[in-house]
Amino acid sequence: MTKEVTLTVNEASIKLDYFVESYVDHVIGGIIGSLNGTGEIRDLELTVEDGGRVKIHLNGEDVSLKPFPILIIRQTLEGLVKPLKGVDAPLRTLRATIKHT
């Protein structure tokens, strides 16, 4: 199985080496796996918008989220990207995509 992972923070594309790409893939995979009604990731777009709104589009479907998972997901992803080279604080927007083929 091949994967393609992209990450954009505050409208800037973040260069991912093998370790960071795998780490992002596994962390987001764990998040998705913990949500009810989700399955294997084939095509995922996860966004955190200015103001804290979290959207997950998984395999062609939007995933409904309640307030507590939104808070956990947002804070987990903020902690994940803050130490990466090229990420400027404060975090306003984040977009991660994962494609498994």
C-alpha atoms as a PDB file:
ATOM      1  CA  MET A   1       0.000   0.000   0.000  1.00  0.00           C
ATOM      2  CA  THR A   2       1.348   3.416  -0.926  1.00  0.00           C
ATOM      3  CA  LYS A   3       0.409   6.625   0.814  1.00  0.00           C
ATOM      4  CA  GLU A   4       0.533  10.302   0.047  1.00  0.00           C
ATOM      5  CA  VAL A   5       0.409  12.727   2.961  1.00  0.00           C
ATOM      6  CA  THR A   6       0.274  16.517   2.605  1.00  0.00           C
ATOM      7  CA  LEU A   7       0.167  19.152   5.307  1.00  0.00           C
ATOM      8  CA  THR A   8      -0.612  22.857   5.005  1.00  0.00           C
ATOM      9  CA  VAL A   9      -0.475  25.174   8.013  1.00  0.00           C
ATOM     10  CA  ASN A  10      -1.509  28.830   7.844  1.00  0.00           C
ATOM     11  CA  GLU A  11      -1.684  28.507   4.039  1.00  0.00           C
ATOM     12  CA  ALA A  12       1.975  27.367   3.858  1.00  0.00           C
ATOM     13  CA  SER A  13       2.832  23.904   2.555  1.00  0.00           C
ATOM     14  CA  ILE A  14       4.979  21.994   5.062  1.00  0.00           C
ATOM     15  CA  LYS A  15       7.727  19.767   3.696  1.00  0.00           C
ATOM     16  CA  LEU A  16       7.468  16.294   5.223  1.00  0.00           C
ATOM     17  CA  ASP A  17      10.351  13.866   5.526  1.00  0.00           C
ATOM     18  CA  TYR A  18       9.721  10.132   5.895  1.00  0.00           C
ATOM     19  CA  PHE A  19       9.484  10.250   9.702  1.00  0.00           C
ATOM     20  CA  VAL A  20       7.087  13.207   9.878  1.00  0.00           C
ATOM     21  CA  GLU A  21       4.960  11.863   7.015  1.00  0.00           C
ATOM     22  CA  SER A  22       4.607   8.489   8.759  1.00  0.00           C
ATOM     23  CA  TYR A  23       3.992  10.135  12.126  1.00  0.00           C
ATOM     24  CA  VAL A  24       1.227  12.389  10.748  1.00  0.00           C
ATOM     25  CA  ASP A  25      -0.300   9.389   8.951  1.00  0.00           C
ATOM     26  CA  HIS A  26      -0.332   7.272  12.116  1.00  0.00           C
ATOM     27  CA  VAL A  27      -1.590  10.012  14.461  1.00  0.00           C
ATOM     28  CA  ILE A  28      -4.421  10.988  12.136  1.00  0.00           C
ATOM     29  CA  GLY A  29      -5.137   7.301  11.448  1.00  0.00           C
ATOM     30  CA  GLY A  30      -5.508   6.780  15.204  1.00  0.00           C
ATOM     31  CA  ILE A  31      -7.850   9.750  15.466  1.00  0.00           C
ATOM     32  CA  ILE A  32     -10.016   8.471  12.611  1.00  0.00           C
ATOM     33  CA  GLY A  33      -9.980   4.911  13.970  1.00  0.00           C
ATOM     34  CA  SER A  34     -11.306   6.122  17.326  1.00  0.00           C
ATOM     35  CA  LEU A  35     -14.394   7.754  15.793  1.00  0.00           C
ATOM     36  CA  ASN A  36     -17.624   5.754  15.487  1.00  0.00           C
ATOM     37  CA  GLY A  37     -18.645   4.750  12.002  1.00  0.00           C
ATOM     38  CA  THR A  38     -15.301   5.262  10.306  1.00  0.00           C
ATOM     39  CA  GLY A  39     -13.287   2.659   8.513  1.00  0.00           C
ATOM     40  CA  GLU A  40     -10.118   2.305   6.540  1.00  0.00           C
ATOM     41  CA  ILE A  41      -8.602   5.510   5.169  1.00  0.00           C
ATOM     42  CA  ARG A  42      -8.503   5.583   1.390  1.00  0.00           C
ATOM     43  CA  ASP A  43      -8.953   9.318   0.888  1.00  0.00           C
ATOM     44  CA  LEU A  44      -9.009  11.802   3.760  1.00  0.00           C
ATOM     45  CA  GLU A  45      -9.104  15.551   4.095  1.00  0.00           C
ATOM     46  CA  LEU A  46      -8.977  16.952   7.617  1.00  0.00           C
ATOM     47  CA  THR A  47      -9.133  20.696   8.205  1.00  0.00           C
ATOM     48  CA  VAL A  48      -8.914  22.887  11.271  1.00  0.00           C
ATOM     49  CA  GLU A  49     -10.213  26.351  10.457  1.00  0.00           C
ATOM     50  CA  ASP A  50      -9.616  29.684  12.105  1.00  0.00           C
ATOM     51  CA  GLY A  51     -11.944  29.730  15.090  1.00  0.00           C
ATOM     52  CA  GLY A  52     -11.384  26.044  15.851  1.00  0.00           C
ATOM     53  CA  ARG A  53     -13.865  24.360  13.526  1.00  0.00           C
ATOM     54  CA  VAL A  54     -12.765  20.829  12.536  1.00  0.00           C
ATOM     55  CA  LYS A  55     -13.955  19.114   9.357  1.00  0.00           C
ATOM     56  CA  ILE A  56     -13.239  15.549   8.315  1.00  0.00           C
ATOM     57  CA  HIS A  57     -14.033  14.299   4.816  1.00  0.00           C
ATOM     58  CA  LEU A  58     -13.306  10.551   4.709  1.00  0.00           C
ATOM     59  CA  ASN A  59     -13.663   8.362   1.610  1.00  0.00           C
ATOM     60  CA  GLY A  60     -16.165  10.727   0.017  1.00  0.00           C
ATOM     61  CA  GLU A  61     -18.273  11.304   3.147  1.00  0.00           C
ATOM     62  CA  ASP A  62     -18.304  14.007   5.806  1.00  0.00           C
ATOM     63  CA  VAL A  63     -17.764  12.722   9.344  1.00  0.00           C
ATOM     64  CA  SER A  64     -20.033  14.238  11.987  1.00  0.00           C
ATOM     65  CA  LEU A  65     -18.258  15.423  15.123  1.00  0.00           C
ATOM     66  CA  LYS A  66     -19.495  16.481  18.542  1.00  0.00           C
ATOM     67  CA  PRO A  67     -17.825  19.262  20.573  1.00  0.00           C
ATOM     68  CA  PHE A  68     -15.532  17.092  22.726  1.00  0.00           C
ATOM     69  CA  PRO A  69     -13.879  15.189  19.835  1.00  0.00           C
ATOM     70  CA  ILE A  70     -13.462  18.508  18.005  1.00  0.00           C
ATOM     71  CA  LEU A  71     -11.545  19.914  20.980  1.00  0.00           C
ATOM     72  CA  ILE A  72      -9.338  16.814  21.331  1.00  0.00           C
ATOM     73  CA  ILE A  73      -8.596  16.629  17.596  1.00  0.00           C
ATOM     74  CA  ARG A  74      -7.800  20.338  17.315  1.00  0.00           C
ATOM     75  CA  GLN A  75      -5.468  20.355  20.308  1.00  0.00           C
ATOM     76  CA  THR A  76      -3.743  17.117  19.241  1.00  0.00           C
ATOM     77  CA  LEU A  77      -3.059  18.468  15.761  1.00  0.00           C
ATOM     78  CA  GLU A  78      -1.867  21.817  17.097  1.00  0.00           C
ATOM     79  CA  GLY A  79       0.643  19.985  19.304  1.00  0.00           C
ATOM     80  CA  LEU A  80       1.695  17.812  16.378  1.00  0.00           C
ATOM     81  CA  VAL A  81       2.521  20.655  13.985  1.00  0.00           C
ATOM     82  CA  LYS A  82       3.890  23.399  16.259  1.00  0.00           C
ATOM     83  CA  PRO A  83       7.469  22.012  16.392  1.00  0.00           C
ATOM     84  CA  LEU A  84       7.686  21.458  12.613  1.00  0.00           C
ATOM     85  CA  LYS A  85       9.989  23.617  10.528  1.00  0.00           C
ATOM     86  CA  GLY A  86       7.980  26.189   8.587  1.00  0.00           C
ATOM     87  CA  VAL A  87       5.079  26.423  11.042  1.00  0.00           C
ATOM     88  CA  ASP A  88       4.448  29.920  12.325  1.00  0.00           C
ATOM     89  CA  ALA A  89       2.470  30.570  15.493  1.00  0.00           C
ATOM     90  CA  PRO A  90      -0.321  31.155  16.093  1.00  0.00           C
ATOM     91  CA  LEU A  91      -1.996  28.311  14.267  1.00  0.00           C
ATOM     92  CA  ARG A  92      -4.875  29.717  12.223  1.00  0.00           C
ATOM     93  CA  THR A  93      -5.576  26.990   9.695  1.00  0.00           C
ATOM     94  CA  LEU A  94      -4.425  23.440   9.120  1.00  0.00           C
ATOM     95  CA  ARG A  95      -5.184  21.049   6.265  1.00  0.00           C
ATOM     96  CA  ALA A  96      -3.976  17.464   6.131  1.00  0.00           C
ATOM     97  CA  THR A  97      -4.694  15.046   3.328  1.00  0.00           C
ATOM     98  CA  ILE A  98      -3.959  11.349   3.242  1.00  0.00           C
ATOM     99  CA  LYS A  99      -4.431   9.060   0.264  1.00  0.00           C
ATOM    100  CA  HIS A 100      -3.824   5.330   0.540  1.00  0.00           C
ATOM    101  CA  THR A 101      -3.793   3.330  -2.687  1.00  0.00           C
END
